[in-house]
Protein backbone atom coordinates (compact mmCIF):
# COMPACT_ATOMS: atom_id res chain seq x y z
CA MET A 1 -21.29 -106.04 75.19
CA LYS A 2 -24.37 -108.81 74.76
CA SER A 3 -27.49 -106.66 76.77
CA LYS A 4 -30.45 -107.91 77.94
CA ILE A 5 -32.45 -104.90 77.24
CA LYS A 6 -33.62 -103.97 73.84
CA LYS A 7 -35.42 -101.27 72.03
CA LYS A 8 -38.68 -100.02 73.56
CA ASP A 9 -38.54 -102.15 76.82
CA THR A 10 -39.82 -99.89 79.82
CA VAL A 11 -36.60 -99.67 82.41
CA LEU A 12 -36.29 -98.16 85.48
CA VAL A 13 -32.96 -95.94 86.17
CA ILE A 14 -31.32 -97.33 89.62
CA SER A 15 -28.56 -94.91 90.12
CA GLY A 16 -27.40 -90.83 89.31
CA ARG A 17 -29.40 -87.83 88.33
CA ASP A 18 -32.55 -89.37 87.57
CA LYS A 19 -32.59 -92.37 89.71
CA GLY A 20 -35.81 -93.69 90.49
CA LYS A 21 -37.49 -92.85 86.76
CA LYS A 22 -39.37 -95.07 84.34
CA ALA A 23 -38.99 -94.34 81.03
CA GLU A 24 -38.82 -96.17 77.50
CA ILE A 25 -35.77 -97.47 75.59
CA LEU A 26 -34.88 -95.39 72.24
CA LYS A 27 -32.13 -96.69 71.01
CA VAL A 28 -29.25 -99.06 72.27
CA TYR A 29 -25.51 -99.00 71.25
CA PRO A 30 -23.87 -102.49 72.57
CA GLU A 31 -20.66 -101.58 71.46
CA THR A 32 -20.31 -99.38 74.21
CA GLY A 33 -22.66 -100.63 76.74
CA ARG A 34 -25.06 -97.71 76.49
CA ALA A 35 -28.47 -96.76 75.74
CA LEU A 36 -30.52 -93.97 74.83
CA VAL A 37 -33.80 -93.53 77.20
CA SER A 38 -36.40 -90.88 76.50
CA LYS A 39 -36.39 -87.90 78.97
CA ILE A 40 -33.17 -89.39 80.69
CA ASN A 41 -29.55 -87.55 81.08
CA VAL A 42 -31.13 -84.48 79.29
CA CYS A 43 -28.56 -81.75 78.39
CA THR A 44 -28.46 -78.36 77.48
CA LYS A 45 -26.94 -78.25 73.76
CA HIS A 46 -26.12 -74.78 72.14
CA VAL A 47 -26.98 -74.13 68.72
CA LYS A 48 -26.08 -71.97 66.29
CA PRO A 49 -28.85 -69.78 64.14
CA THR A 50 -29.40 -70.76 60.56
CA GLN A 51 -31.39 -69.72 57.87
CA ALA A 52 -33.92 -72.38 58.94
CA GLU A 53 -33.92 -72.14 62.81
CA PRO A 54 -33.03 -69.71 65.27
CA GLY A 55 -30.24 -70.29 67.41
CA GLY A 56 -30.59 -71.17 71.27
CA ARG A 57 -30.27 -73.46 73.52
CA ARG A 58 -31.97 -77.31 73.10
CA ASP A 59 -32.44 -80.00 75.60
CA LYS A 60 -30.68 -83.38 74.24
CA GLU A 61 -31.07 -86.81 75.74
CA MET A 62 -27.34 -88.18 75.73
CA PRO A 63 -26.62 -92.23 76.42
CA ILE A 64 -26.68 -93.56 79.58
CA ASN A 65 -24.31 -96.69 81.04
CA LEU A 66 -26.89 -100.10 80.34
CA ALA A 67 -25.15 -100.72 84.23
CA LYS A 68 -27.51 -98.11 85.48
CA LEU A 69 -31.17 -99.51 83.99
CA MET A 70 -33.21 -102.39 85.13
CA LEU A 71 -35.99 -103.97 82.97
CA VAL A 72 -39.31 -103.07 84.35
CA CYS A 73 -41.50 -106.73 83.90
CA PRO A 74 -44.66 -105.44 82.11
CA LYS A 75 -47.37 -107.88 83.77
CA CYS A 76 -46.04 -107.43 87.27
CA GLU A 77 -44.54 -103.89 86.84
CA VAL A 78 -41.46 -104.88 89.16
CA ALA A 79 -37.90 -103.94 88.31
CA ILE A 80 -36.06 -107.13 87.46
CA ARG A 81 -33.36 -109.20 86.07
CA PRO A 82 -34.65 -111.32 83.60
CA LYS A 83 -33.31 -114.73 83.17
CA ILE A 84 -33.19 -116.77 79.59
CA ASP A 85 -35.13 -119.60 78.71
CA ARG A 86 -35.34 -121.94 75.58
CA LEU A 87 -38.76 -122.57 74.26
CA ALA A 88 -39.63 -125.65 72.73
CA THR A 89 -39.08 -124.52 69.78
CA GLY A 90 -35.47 -123.62 70.39
CA GLU A 91 -35.93 -120.14 70.72
CA LYS A 92 -34.19 -117.85 73.49
CA VAL A 93 -36.75 -115.78 75.32
CA ARG A 94 -36.14 -113.81 78.55
CA VAL A 95 -38.45 -114.72 81.27
CA CYS A 96 -39.26 -112.59 84.33
CA ARG A 97 -37.91 -113.83 87.65
CA LYS A 98 -40.89 -113.01 89.72
CA CYS A 99 -44.29 -113.92 87.83
CA SER A 100 -42.53 -116.12 85.23
CA GLU A 101 -43.95 -114.08 82.07
CA VAL A 102 -42.02 -114.47 78.91
CA ILE A 103 -41.16 -110.65 78.01
CA LEU A 104 -41.10 -110.29 74.39
C-alpha cells in the first residue's frame, strides 16, 4: 500500500484509544499498511528474567493502522491530507492543502 506518511513525520491519531494525540513516526510498514508511532498504541509485554536483566512487565509500542493517522503540517500545525505536486525538475513532493507549504 502506497503511503503519504513517512518516517519522522508528525501525525495526529484520529480514531481509537489514543485519539487526539500527536506523535512522531518511528517506522512505516508499507506491506501491511501500518506504522510504529512513539508513545501510541502502547501494550504491556511480560518478559522472562535472564542473567542480564530481571523479568517483569515492559511497555512496548505496537504498530497502528495508517488509516487512523493524519499528517500534521509543520508550518500551520493542522492535520491534513497532503496533495502530491511535481516540481520543475520533475520531482514529486507533498504539499499542504491549507498553506501550500512543501512538506519534506
